[in-house]
PDB file of N, CA and C in Angstrom:
ATOM      1  N   MET A   1       0.851  -1.187   0.000  1.00  0.00           N
ATOM      2  CA  MET A   1       0.000   0.000   0.000  1.00  0.00           C
ATOM      3  C   MET A   1       0.888   1.238   0.000  1.00  0.00           C
ATOM      4  N   CYS A   2       0.574   2.153  -0.859  1.00  0.00           N
ATOM      5  CA  CYS A   2       1.368   3.376  -0.980  1.00  0.00           C
ATOM      6  C   CYS A   2       0.720   4.488  -0.161  1.00  0.00           C
ATOM      7  N   ILE A   3       1.371   4.869   0.922  1.00  0.00           N
ATOM      8  CA  ILE A   3       0.834   5.976   1.720  1.00  0.00           C
ATOM      9  C   ILE A   3       1.562   7.277   1.422  1.00  0.00           C
ATOM     10  N   LYS A   4       2.522   7.218   0.513  1.00  0.00           N
ATOM     11  CA  LYS A   4       3.254   8.432   0.143  1.00  0.00           C
ATOM     12  C   LYS A   4       2.358   9.424  -0.584  1.00  0.00           C
ATOM     13  N   ASN A   5       1.358   8.925  -1.284  1.00  0.00           N
ATOM     14  CA  ASN A   5       0.476   9.798  -2.065  1.00  0.00           C
ATOM     15  C   ASN A   5      -0.772  10.218  -1.288  1.00  0.00           C
ATOM     16  N   THR A   6      -0.779   9.977  -0.001  1.00  0.00           N
ATOM     17  CA  THR A   6      -1.920  10.367   0.817  1.00  0.00           C
ATOM     18  C   THR A   6      -1.995  11.890   0.862  1.00  0.00           C
ATOM     19  N   PRO A   7      -3.174  12.439   0.592  1.00  0.00           N
ATOM     20  CA  PRO A   7      -3.286  13.903   0.597  1.00  0.00           C
ATOM     21  C   PRO A   7      -3.124  14.476   2.000  1.00  0.00           C
ATOM     22  N   HIS A   8      -2.589  15.690   2.073  1.00  0.00           N
ATOM     23  CA  HIS A   8      -2.486  16.382   3.358  1.00  0.00           C
ATOM     24  C   HIS A   8      -3.874  16.911   3.713  1.00  0.00           C
ATOM     25  N   ILE A   9      -4.376  16.475   4.854  1.00  0.00           N
ATOM     26  CA  ILE A   9      -5.695  16.898   5.323  1.00  0.00           C
ATOM     27  C   ILE A   9      -5.525  17.372   6.759  1.00  0.00           C
ATOM     28  N   SER A  10      -5.943  18.595   7.042  1.00  0.00           N
ATOM     29  CA  SER A  10      -5.771  19.113   8.402  1.00  0.00           C
ATOM     30  C   SER A  10      -7.035  18.960   9.249  1.00  0.00           C
ATOM     31  N   ASP A  11      -8.210  19.011   8.638  1.00  0.00           N
ATOM     32  CA  ASP A  11      -9.467  18.921   9.375  1.00  0.00           C
ATOM     33  C   ASP A  11      -9.733  17.472   9.803  1.00  0.00           C
ATOM     34  N   LEU A  12     -10.012  17.260  11.088  1.00  0.00           N
ATOM     35  CA  LEU A  12     -10.214  15.912  11.607  1.00  0.00           C
ATOM     36  C   LEU A  12     -11.393  15.208  10.934  1.00  0.00           C
ATOM     37  N   SER A  13     -12.499  15.914  10.731  1.00  0.00           N
ATOM     38  CA  SER A  13     -13.655  15.301  10.074  1.00  0.00           C
ATOM     39  C   SER A  13     -13.303  14.842   8.667  1.00  0.00           C
ATOM     40  N   GLU A  14     -12.535  15.645   7.952  1.00  0.00           N
ATOM     41  CA  GLU A  14     -12.106  15.262   6.603  1.00  0.00           C
ATOM     42  C   GLU A  14     -11.177  14.048   6.650  1.00  0.00           C
ATOM     43  N   LYS A  15     -10.315  13.990   7.662  1.00  0.00           N
ATOM     44  CA  LYS A  15      -9.438  12.819   7.831  1.00  0.00           C
ATOM     45  C   LYS A  15     -10.273  11.566   8.051  1.00  0.00           C
ATOM     46  N   LEU A  16     -11.286  11.673   8.908  1.00  0.00           N
ATOM     47  CA  LEU A  16     -12.148  10.529   9.193  1.00  0.00           C
ATOM     48  C   LEU A  16     -12.898  10.073   7.950  1.00  0.00           C
ATOM     49  N   LEU A  17     -13.398  11.026   7.181  1.00  0.00           N
ATOM     50  CA  LEU A  17     -14.096  10.680   5.942  1.00  0.00           C
ATOM     51  C   LEU A  17     -13.156   9.994   4.957  1.00  0.00           C
ATOM     52  N   TYR A  18     -11.935  10.490   4.853  1.00  0.00           N
ATOM     53  CA  TYR A  18     -10.942   9.897   3.956  1.00  0.00           C
ATOM     54  C   TYR A  18     -10.606   8.473   4.399  1.00  0.00           C
ATOM     55  N   ILE A  19     -10.357   8.293   5.687  1.00  0.00           N
ATOM     56  CA  ILE A  19     -10.045   6.961   6.211  1.00  0.00           C
ATOM     57  C   ILE A  19     -11.228   6.020   6.000  1.00  0.00           C
ATOM     58  N   GLY A  20     -12.435   6.526   6.177  1.00  0.00           N
ATOM     59  CA  GLY A  20     -13.635   5.723   5.916  1.00  0.00           C
ATOM     60  C   GLY A  20     -13.688   5.232   4.478  1.00  0.00           C
ATOM     61  N   LYS A  21     -13.333   6.109   3.540  1.00  0.00           N
ATOM     62  CA  LYS A  21     -13.293   5.707   2.127  1.00  0.00           C
ATOM     63  C   LYS A  21     -12.229   4.640   1.901  1.00  0.00           C
ATOM     64  N   VAL A  22     -11.082   4.819   2.548  1.00  0.00           N
ATOM     65  CA  VAL A  22      -9.988   3.853   2.380  1.00  0.00           C
ATOM     66  C   VAL A  22     -10.397   2.486   2.913  1.00  0.00           C
ATOM     67  N   ILE A  23     -10.931   2.427   4.127  1.00  0.00           N
ATOM     68  CA  ILE A  23     -11.285   1.110   4.667  1.00  0.00           C
ATOM     69  C   ILE A  23     -12.443   0.481   3.896  1.00  0.00           C
ATOM     70  N   SER A  24     -13.323   1.305   3.340  1.00  0.00           N
ATOM     71  CA  SER A  24     -14.423   0.731   2.553  1.00  0.00           C
ATOM     72  C   SER A  24     -13.916   0.106   1.253  1.00  0.00           C
ATOM     73  N   THR A  25     -12.785   0.599   0.733  1.00  0.00           N
ATOM     74  CA  THR A  25     -12.216  -0.038  -0.465  1.00  0.00           C
ATOM     75  C   THR A  25     -11.705  -1.439  -0.145  1.00  0.00           C
ATOM     76  N   PHE A  26     -11.478  -1.735   1.126  1.00  0.00           N
ATOM     77  CA  PHE A  26     -11.060  -3.071   1.557  1.00  0.00           C
ATOM     78  C   PHE A  26     -12.253  -3.896   2.040  1.00  0.00           C
ATOM     79  N   ASP A  27     -13.454  -3.457   1.700  1.00  0.00           N
ATOM     80  CA  ASP A  27     -14.687  -4.151   2.082  1.00  0.00           C
ATOM     81  C   ASP A  27     -14.874  -4.226   3.597  1.00  0.00           C
ATOM     82  N   LEU A  28     -14.494  -3.170   4.278  1.00  0.00           N
ATOM     83  CA  LEU A  28     -14.671  -3.089   5.725  1.00  0.00           C
ATOM     84  C   LEU A  28     -15.555  -1.898   6.056  1.00  0.00           C
ATOM     85  N   GLU A  29     -16.340  -2.054   7.111  1.00  0.00           N
ATOM     86  CA  GLU A  29     -17.038  -0.906   7.667  1.00  0.00           C
ATOM     87  C   GLU A  29     -16.376  -0.601   9.009  1.00  0.00           C
ATOM     88  N   PRO A  30     -16.605   0.571   9.583  1.00  0.00           N
ATOM     89  CA  PRO A  30     -15.867   0.979  10.784  1.00  0.00           C
ATOM     90  C   PRO A  30     -15.895  -0.031  11.937  1.00  0.00           C
ATOM     91  N   LYS A  31     -17.071  -0.575  12.278  1.00  0.00           N
ATOM     92  CA  LYS A  31     -17.125  -1.515  13.409  1.00  0.00           C
ATOM     93  C   LYS A  31     -16.301  -2.767  13.129  1.00  0.00           C
ATOM     94  N   ARG A  32     -16.391  -3.255  11.906  1.00  0.00           N
ATOM     95  CA  ARG A  32     -15.625  -4.460  11.563  1.00  0.00           C
ATOM     96  C   ARG A  32     -14.125  -4.182  11.627  1.00  0.00           C
ATOM     97  N   TYR A  33     -13.715  -3.002  11.159  1.00  0.00           N
ATOM     98  CA  TYR A  33     -12.300  -2.622  11.230  1.00  0.00           C
ATOM     99  C   TYR A  33     -11.839  -2.525  12.687  1.00  0.00           C
ATOM    100  N   ILE A  34     -12.618  -1.829  13.499  1.00  0.00           N
ATOM    101  CA  ILE A  34     -12.245  -1.637  14.903  1.00  0.00           C
ATOM    102  C   ILE A  34     -12.175  -2.984  15.626  1.00  0.00           C
ATOM    103  N   THR A  35     -13.176  -3.834  15.406  1.00  0.00           N
ATOM    104  CA  THR A  35     -13.189  -5.148  16.044  1.00  0.00           C
ATOM    105  C   THR A  35     -11.985  -5.977  15.615  1.00  0.00           C
ATOM    106  N   ALA A  36     -11.691  -5.979  14.324  1.00  0.00           N
ATOM    107  CA  ALA A  36     -10.531  -6.732  13.826  1.00  0.00           C
ATOM    108  C   ALA A  36      -9.237  -6.176  14.416  1.00  0.00           C
ATOM    109  N   PHE A  37      -9.127  -4.862  14.498  1.00  0.00           N
ATOM    110  CA  PHE A  37      -7.943  -4.228  15.083  1.00  0.00           C
ATOM    111  C   PHE A  37      -7.762  -4.655  16.539  1.00  0.00           C
ATOM    112  N   LEU A  38      -8.856  -4.673  17.299  1.00  0.00           N
ATOM    113  CA  LEU A  38      -8.776  -5.002  18.721  1.00  0.00           C
ATOM    114  C   LEU A  38      -8.533  -6.486  18.982  1.00  0.00           C
ATOM    115  N   GLN A  39      -8.919  -7.350  18.036  1.00  0.00           N
ATOM    116  CA  GLN A  39      -8.796  -8.791  18.247  1.00  0.00           C
ATOM    117  C   GLN A  39      -7.615  -9.420  17.518  1.00  0.00           C
ATOM    118  N   SER A  40      -6.955  -8.683  16.671  1.00  0.00           N
ATOM    119  CA  SER A  40      -5.874  -9.246  15.856  1.00  0.00           C
ATOM    120  C   SER A  40      -4.701  -9.731  16.709  1.00  0.00           C
ATOM    121  N   SER A  41      -4.104 -10.836  16.271  1.00  0.00           N
ATOM    122  CA  SER A  41      -2.907 -11.341  16.945  1.00  0.00           C
ATOM    123  C   SER A  41      -1.646 -11.027  16.137  1.00  0.00           C
ATOM    124  N   HIS A  42      -1.787 -10.254  15.061  1.00  0.00           N
ATOM    125  CA  HIS A  42      -0.629  -9.849  14.259  1.00  0.00           C
ATOM    126  C   HIS A  42       0.327  -9.033  15.131  1.00  0.00           C
ATOM    127  N   LYS A  43       1.605  -9.366  15.045  1.00  0.00           N
ATOM    128  CA  LYS A  43       2.618  -8.773  15.932  1.00  0.00           C
ATOM    129  C   LYS A  43       2.604  -7.238  15.918  1.00  0.00           C
ATOM    130  N   GLN A  44       2.544  -6.631  14.746  1.00  0.00           N
ATOM    131  CA  GLN A  44       2.579  -5.168  14.660  1.00  0.00           C
ATOM    132  C   GLN A  44       1.305  -4.539  15.221  1.00  0.00           C
ATOM    133  N   ILE A  45       0.178  -5.191  14.976  1.00  0.00           N
ATOM    134  CA  ILE A  45      -1.091  -4.656  15.492  1.00  0.00           C
ATOM    135  C   ILE A  45      -1.137  -4.777  17.013  1.00  0.00           C
ATOM    136  N   VAL A  46      -0.652  -5.912  17.529  1.00  0.00           N
ATOM    137  CA  VAL A  46      -0.559  -6.077  18.986  1.00  0.00           C
ATOM    138  C   VAL A  46       0.315  -4.968  19.571  1.00  0.00           C
ATOM    139  N   MET A  47       1.417  -4.677  18.902  1.00  0.00           N
ATOM    140  CA  MET A  47       2.330  -3.620  19.355  1.00  0.00           C
ATOM    141  C   MET A  47       1.630  -2.255  19.351  1.00  0.00           C
ATOM    142  N   ASN A  48       0.792  -1.997  18.345  1.00  0.00           N
ATOM    143  CA  ASN A  48       0.095  -0.711  18.239  1.00  0.00           C
ATOM    144  C   ASN A  48      -0.910  -0.482  19.367  1.00  0.00           C
ATOM    145  N   ARG A  49      -1.399  -1.563  19.979  1.00  0.00           N
ATOM    146  CA  ARG A  49      -2.392  -1.387  21.048  1.00  0.00           C
ATOM    147  C   ARG A  49      -1.862  -1.774  22.416  1.00  0.00           C
ATOM    148  N   ARG A  50      -0.571  -1.861  22.566  1.00  0.00           N
ATOM    149  CA  ARG A  50       0.042  -2.342  23.806  1.00  0.00           C
ATOM    150  C   ARG A  50      -0.232  -1.448  25.014  1.00  0.00           C
ATOM    151  N   LEU A  51      -0.529  -0.180  24.813  1.00  0.00           N
ATOM    152  CA  LEU A  51      -0.701   0.743  25.943  1.00  0.00           C
ATOM    153  C   LEU A  51      -2.161   0.960  26.338  1.00  0.00           C
ATOM    154  N   TRP A  52      -3.095   0.286  25.683  1.00  0.00           N
ATOM    155  CA  TRP A  52      -4.510   0.521  25.955  1.00  0.00           C
ATOM    156  C   TRP A  52      -4.875   0.290  27.417  1.00  0.00           C
ATOM    157  N   GLY A  53      -4.271  -0.701  28.064  1.00  0.00           N
ATOM    158  CA  GLY A  53      -4.590  -0.981  29.459  1.00  0.00           C
ATOM    159  C   GLY A  53      -3.550  -0.464  30.438  1.00  0.00           C
ATOM    160  N   ALA A  54      -2.491   0.136  29.920  1.00  0.00           N
ATOM    161  CA  ALA A  54      -1.414   0.649  30.775  1.00  0.00           C
ATOM    162  C   ALA A  54      -1.786   2.025  31.328  1.00  0.00           C
ATOM    163  N   ASP A  55      -1.117   2.409  32.406  1.00  0.00           N
ATOM    164  CA  ASP A  55      -1.361   3.731  33.003  1.00  0.00           C
ATOM    165  C   ASP A  55      -1.275   4.845  31.970  1.00  0.00           C
ATOM    166  N   ILE A  56      -0.249   4.785  31.132  1.00  0.00           N
ATOM    167  CA  ILE A  56      -0.014   5.861  30.161  1.00  0.00           C
ATOM    168  C   ILE A  56      -1.118   5.949  29.099  1.00  0.00           C
ATOM    169  N   GLY A  57      -1.799   4.843  28.825  1.00  0.00           N
ATOM    170  CA  GLY A  57      -2.830   4.852  27.790  1.00  0.00           C
ATOM    171  C   GLY A  57      -4.248   4.800  28.307  1.00  0.00           C
ATOM    172  N   TRP A  58      -4.402   4.674  29.613  1.00  0.00           N
ATOM    173  CA  TRP A  58      -5.735   4.448  30.172  1.00  0.00           C
ATOM    174  C   TRP A  58      -6.697   5.612  29.945  1.00  0.00           C
ATOM    175  N   ARG A  59      -6.232   6.850  30.034  1.00  0.00           N
ATOM    176  CA  ARG A  59      -7.120   8.014  29.846  1.00  0.00           C
ATOM    177  C   ARG A  59      -7.781   7.974  28.471  1.00  0.00           C
ATOM    178  N   SER A  60      -6.994   7.717  27.432  1.00  0.00           N
ATOM    179  CA  SER A  60      -7.569   7.686  26.085  1.00  0.00           C
ATOM    180  C   SER A  60      -8.416   6.431  25.867  1.00  0.00           C
ATOM    181  N   THR A  61      -8.087   5.335  26.554  1.00  0.00           N
ATOM    182  CA  THR A  61      -8.932   4.137  26.480  1.00  0.00           C
ATOM    183  C   THR A  61     -10.302   4.438  27.076  1.00  0.00           C
ATOM    184  N   LEU A  62     -10.321   5.158  28.195  1.00  0.00           N
ATOM    185  CA  LEU A  62     -11.600   5.563  28.788  1.00  0.00           C
ATOM    186  C   LEU A  62     -12.389   6.471  27.851  1.00  0.00           C
ATOM    187  N   GLU A  63     -11.695   7.337  27.117  1.00  0.00           N
ATOM    188  CA  GLU A  63     -12.378   8.189  26.133  1.00  0.00           C
ATOM    189  C   GLU A  63     -13.085   7.337  25.091  1.00  0.00           C
ATOM    190  N   VAL A  64     -12.421   6.276  24.634  1.00  0.00           N
ATOM    191  CA  VAL A  64     -13.030   5.368  23.649  1.00  0.00           C
ATOM    192  C   VAL A  64     -14.258   4.693  24.255  1.00  0.00           C
ATOM    193  N   LEU A  65     -14.109   4.140  25.456  1.00  0.00           N
ATOM    194  CA  LEU A  65     -15.225   3.453  26.111  1.00  0.00           C
ATOM    195  C   LEU A  65     -16.397   4.400  26.362  1.00  0.00           C
ATOM    196  N   ASN A  66     -16.102   5.599  26.844  1.00  0.00           N
ATOM    197  CA  ASN A  66     -17.167   6.572  27.108  1.00  0.00           C
ATOM    198  C   ASN A  66     -17.824   7.068  25.826  1.00  0.00           C
ATOM    199  N   SER A  67     -17.071   7.143  24.744  1.00  0.00           N
ATOM    200  CA  SER A  67     -17.653   7.531  23.457  1.00  0.00           C
ATOM    201  C   SER A  67     -18.627   6.466  22.966  1.00  0.00           C
ATOM    202  N   ILE A  68     -18.261   5.204  23.150  1.00  0.00           N
ATOM    203  CA  ILE A  68     -19.166   4.113  22.778  1.00  0.00           C
ATOM    204  C   ILE A  68     -20.420   4.172  23.647  1.00  0.00           C
ATOM    205  N   LYS A  69     -20.232   4.365  24.948  1.00  0.00           N
ATOM    206  CA  LYS A  69     -21.377   4.461  25.856  1.00  0.00           C
ATOM    207  C   LYS A  69     -22.304   5.604  25.437  1.00  0.00           C
ATOM    208  N   TYR A  70     -21.737   6.758  25.129  1.00  0.00           N
ATOM    209  CA  TYR A  70     -22.533   7.923  24.726  1.00  0.00           C
ATOM    210  C   TYR A  70     -23.376   7.601  23.490  1.00  0.00           C
ATOM    211  N   LEU A  71     -22.755   6.948  22.498  1.00  0.00           N
ATOM    212  CA  LEU A  71     -23.485   6.610  21.273  1.00  0.00           C
ATOM    213  C   LEU A  71     -24.584   5.591  21.533  1.00  0.00           C
ATOM    214  N   VAL A  72     -24.266   4.560  22.315  1.00  0.00           N
ATOM    215  CA  VAL A  72     -25.233   3.502  22.589  1.00  0.00           C
ATOM    216  C   VAL A  72     -26.416   4.042  23.388  1.00  0.00           C
ATOM    217  N   CYS A  73     -26.152   4.913  24.333  1.00  0.00           N
ATOM    218  CA  CYS A  73     -27.184   5.375  25.268  1.00  0.00           C
ATOM    219  C   CYS A  73     -28.023   6.538  24.745  1.00  0.00           C
ATOM    220  N   LYS A  74     -27.945   6.848  23.476  1.00  0.00           N
ATOM    221  CA  LYS A  74     -28.749   7.943  22.924  1.00  0.00           C
ATOM    222  C   LYS A  74     -30.234   7.608  22.875  1.00  0.00           C
ATOM    223  N   THR A  75     -30.567   6.320  22.914  1.00  0.00           N
ATOM    224  CA  THR A  75     -31.976   5.912  22.886  1.00  0.00           C
ATOM    225  C   THR A  75     -32.294   5.106  24.142  1.00  0.00           C
ATOM    226  N   LYS A  76     -33.575   4.998  24.453  1.00  0.00           N
ATOM    227  CA  LYS A  76     -33.996   4.186  25.602  1.00  0.00           C
ATOM    228  C   LYS A  76     -33.578   2.730  25.403  1.00  0.00           C
ATOM    229  N   ALA A  77     -33.762   2.217  24.186  1.00  0.00           N
ATOM    230  CA  ALA A  77     -33.376   0.829  23.908  1.00  0.00           C
ATOM    231  C   ALA A  77     -31.871   0.648  24.090  1.00  0.00           C
ATOM    232  N   GLY A  78     -31.100   1.614  23.626  1.00  0.00           N
ATOM    233  CA  GLY A  78     -29.652   1.556  23.787  1.00  0.00           C
ATOM    234  C   GLY A  78     -29.242   1.630  25.248  1.00  0.00           C
ATOM    235  N   GLN A  79     -29.930   2.484  26.013  1.00  0.00           N
ATOM    236  CA  GLN A  79     -29.641   2.586  27.451  1.00  0.00           C
ATOM    237  C   GLN A  79     -29.898   1.254  28.142  1.00  0.00           C
ATOM    238  N   SER A  80     -30.979   0.590  27.750  1.00  0.00           N
ATOM    239  CA  SER A  80     -31.306  -0.707  28.332  1.00  0.00           C
ATOM    240  C   SER A  80     -30.242  -1.749  27.965  1.00  0.00           C
ATOM    241  N   ARG A  81     -29.808  -1.739  26.717  1.00  0.00           N
ATOM    242  CA  ARG A  81     -28.766  -2.679  26.286  1.00  0.00           C
ATOM    243  C   ARG A  81     -27.458  -2.418  27.034  1.00  0.00           C
ATOM    244  N   TRP A  82     -27.109  -1.148  27.187  1.00  0.00           N
ATOM    245  CA  TRP A  82     -25.870  -0.804  27.900  1.00  0.00           C
ATOM    246  C   TRP A  82     -25.951  -1.262  29.360  1.00  0.00           C
ATOM    247  N   LYS A  83     -27.096  -0.984  29.994  1.00  0.00           N
ATOM    248  CA  LYS A  83     -27.288  -1.390  31.387  1.00  0.00           C
ATOM    249  C   LYS A  83     -27.158  -2.907  31.516  1.00  0.00           C
ATOM    250  N   ASN A  84     -27.783  -3.651  30.617  1.00  0.00           N
ATOM    251  CA  ASN A  84     -27.700  -5.112  30.660  1.00  0.00           C
ATOM    252  C   ASN A  84     -26.272  -5.595  30.453  1.00  0.00           C
ATOM    253  N   TYR A  85     -25.555  -4.949  29.558  1.00  0.00           N
ATOM    254  CA  TYR A  85     -24.153  -5.303  29.314  1.00  0.00           C
ATOM    255  C   TYR A  85     -23.312  -5.069  30.573  1.00  0.00           C
ATOM    256  N   ILE A  86     -23.476  -3.904  31.181  1.00  0.00           N
ATOM    257  CA  ILE A  86     -22.710  -3.567  32.380  1.00  0.00           C
ATOM    258  C   ILE A  86     -23.073  -4.505  33.532  1.00  0.00           C
ATOM    259  N   LEU A  87     -24.353  -4.819  33.692  1.00  0.00           N
ATOM    260  CA  LEU A  87     -24.772  -5.742  34.749  1.00  0.00           C
ATOM    261  C   LEU A  87     -24.183  -7.133  34.541  1.00  0.00           C
ATOM    262  N   LEU A  88     -24.131  -7.590  33.303  1.00  0.00           N
ATOM    263  CA  LEU A  88     -23.533  -8.890  33.008  1.00  0.00           C
ATOM    264  C   LEU A  88     -22.042  -8.888  33.345  1.00  0.00           C
ATOM    265  N   GLU A  89     -21.349  -7.816  32.966  1.00  0.00           N
ATOM    266  CA  GLU A  89     -19.920  -7.699  33.289  1.00  0.00           C
ATOM    267  C   GLU A  89     -19.705  -7.652  34.800  1.00  0.00           C
ATOM    268  N   ALA A  90     -20.545  -6.882  35.499  1.00  0.00           N
ATOM    269  CA  ALA A  90     -20.420  -6.769  36.954  1.00  0.00           C
ATOM    270  C   ALA A  90     -20.722  -8.110  37.627  1.00  0.00           C
ATOM    271  N   SER A  91     -21.724  -8.821  37.133  1.00  0.00           N
ATOM    272  CA  SER A  91     -22.064 -10.131  37.693  1.00  0.00           C
ATOM    273  C   SER A  91     -20.921 -11.115  37.512  1.00  0.00           C
ATOM    274  N   THR A  92     -20.311 -11.103  36.343  1.00  0.00           N
ATOM    275  CA  THR A  92     -19.176 -11.984  36.069  1.00  0.00           C
ATOM    276  C   THR A  92     -18.025 -11.674  37.017  1.00  0.00           C
ATOM    277  N   LEU A  93     -17.720 -10.400  37.182  1.00  0.00           N
ATOM    278  CA  LEU A  93     -16.649  -9.990  38.095  1.00  0.00           C
ATOM    279  C   LEU A  93     -16.977 -10.389  39.533  1.00  0.00           C
ATOM    280  N   PHE A  94     -18.224 -10.180  39.935  1.00  0.00           N
ATOM    281  CA  PHE A  94     -18.651 -10.541  41.287  1.00  0.00           C
ATOM    282  C   PHE A  94     -18.462 -12.036  41.535  1.00  0.00           C
ATOM    283  N   LEU A  95     -18.868 -12.865  40.576  1.00  0.00           N
ATOM    284  CA  LEU A  95     -18.721 -14.314  40.727  1.00  0.00           C
ATOM    285  C   LEU A  95     -17.253 -14.719  40.827  1.00  0.00           C
ATOM    286  N   LEU A  96     -16.396 -14.068  40.059  1.00  0.00           N
ATOM    287  CA  LEU A  96     -14.962 -14.349  40.149  1.00  0.00           C
ATOM    288  C   LEU A  96     -14.408 -13.973  41.521  1.00  0.00           C
ATOM    289  N   LEU A  97     -14.826 -12.822  42.029  1.00  0.00           N
ATOM    290  CA  LEU A  97     -14.363 -12.377  43.347  1.00  0.00           C
ATOM    291  C   LEU A  97     -14.848 -13.308  44.453  1.00  0.00           C
ATOM    292  N   ILE A  98     -16.107 -13.718  44.366  1.00  0.00           N
ATOM    293  CA  ILE A  98     -16.669 -14.630  45.366  1.00  0.00           C
ATOM    294  C   ILE A  98     -15.951 -15.969  45.323  1.00  0.00           C
ATOM    295  N   SER A  99     -15.707 -16.504  44.123  1.00  0.00           N
ATOM    296  CA  SER A  99     -15.030 -17.802  44.030  1.00  0.00           C
ATOM    297  C   SER A  99     -13.607 -17.707  44.578  1.00  0.00           C
ATOM    298  N   ASP A 100     -12.918 -16.600  44.313  1.00  0.00           N
ATOM    299  CA  ASP A 100     -11.581 -16.400  44.891  1.00  0.00           C
ATOM    300  C   ASP A 100     -11.652 -16.362  46.416  1.00  0.00           C
ATOM    301  N   PHE A 101     -12.653 -15.661  46.935  1.00  0.00           N
ATOM    302  CA  PHE A 101     -12.825 -15.550  48.382  1.00  0.00           C
ATOM    303  C   PHE A 101     -13.081 -16.923  49.000  1.00  0.00           C
ATOM    304  N   VAL A 102     -13.976 -17.698  48.387  1.00  0.00           N
ATOM    305  CA  VAL A 102     -14.314 -19.027  48.905  1.00  0.00           C
ATOM    306  C   VAL A 102     -13.100 -19.943  48.851  1.00  0.00           C
ATOM    307  N   LEU A 103     -12.377 -19.934  47.739  1.00  0.00           N
ATOM    308  CA  LEU A 103     -11.187 -20.779  47.628  1.00  0.00           C
ATOM    309  C   LEU A 103     -10.137 -20.402  48.666  1.00  0.00           C
ATOM    310  N   THR A 104      -9.957 -19.116  48.886  1.00  0.00           N
ATOM    311  CA  THR A 104      -9.001 -18.656  49.897  1.00  0.00           C
ATOM    312  C   THR A 104      -9.448 -19.087  51.287  1.00  0.00           C
ATOM    313  N   ALA A 105     -10.731 -18.957  51.574  1.00  0.00           N
ATOM    314  CA  ALA A 105     -11.265 -19.350  52.878  1.00  0.00           C
ATOM    315  C   ALA A 105     -11.104 -20.853  53.088  1.00  0.00           C
ATOM    316  N   LEU A 106     -11.396 -21.648  52.068  1.00  0.00           N
ATOM    317  CA  LEU A 106     -11.239 -23.101  52.185  1.00  0.00           C
ATOM    318  C   LEU A 106      -9.779 -23.487  52.388  1.00  0.00           C
ATOM    319  N   TYR A 107      -8.901 -22.782  51.738  1.00  0.00           N
ATOM    320  CA  TYR A 107      -7.473 -23.068  51.853  1.00  0.00           C
ATOM    321  C   TYR A 107      -6.975 -22.836  53.276  1.00  0.00           C
ATOM    322  N   HIS A 108      -7.550 -21.835  53.932  1.00  0.00           N
ATOM    323  CA  HIS A 108      -7.087 -21.462  55.268  1.00  0.00           C
ATOM    324  C   HIS A 108      -7.848 -22.158  56.397  1.00  0.00           C
ATOM    325  N   THR A 109      -8.802 -23.031  56.067  1.00  0.00           N
ATOM    326  CA  THR A 109      -9.522 -23.770  57.106  1.00  0.00           C
ATOM    327  C   THR A 109      -9.051 -25.217  57.113  1.00  0.00           C
ATOM    328  N   ASP A 110      -9.284 -25.878  58.215  1.00  0.00           N
ATOM    329  CA  ASP A 110      -8.854 -27.275  58.361  1.00  0.00           C
ATOM    330  C   ASP A 110      -9.999 -28.232  58.058  1.00  0.00           C
ATOM    331  N   ILE A 111     -10.511 -28.198  56.854  1.00  0.00           N
ATOM    332  CA  ILE A 111     -11.614 -29.099  56.473  1.00  0.00           C
ATOM    333  C   ILE A 111     -11.046 -30.339  55.837  1.00  0.00           C
TER     334      ILE A 111
END
C-alpha cells in the first residue's frame, strides 16, 4: 500500500471521511475494522495497542469506552442494552471475586 500519495488533510472530520473511504475499499465498515484491530494477533497490530490498558494509555482508552457508551445510550433501547451489558460484566466480576474468596477461605480452614 502506498501511503506516500496520501493527501495532506488538516481537518479531523475530513481525515475521518478519507479513512472511511480507504477502509471501505477493503470491504470493511468501521465496526468491523475496529473489532478486527482489537482482536488481531498480528505482531505489529498487537504492538500498536500495547498501551490501551497501561497507566499511560488508560485516559484515552476511557475516552473510547465513554464515546461508545454515549453513542449507545442515545436511545432508551440503547440505554437498556448498555445497562444489561454492564450488569452482566459486573455479575461476572462478582462471581470471580466470590469464588476467589471461597477458595481462599477453604485453603485457610482445616476441612
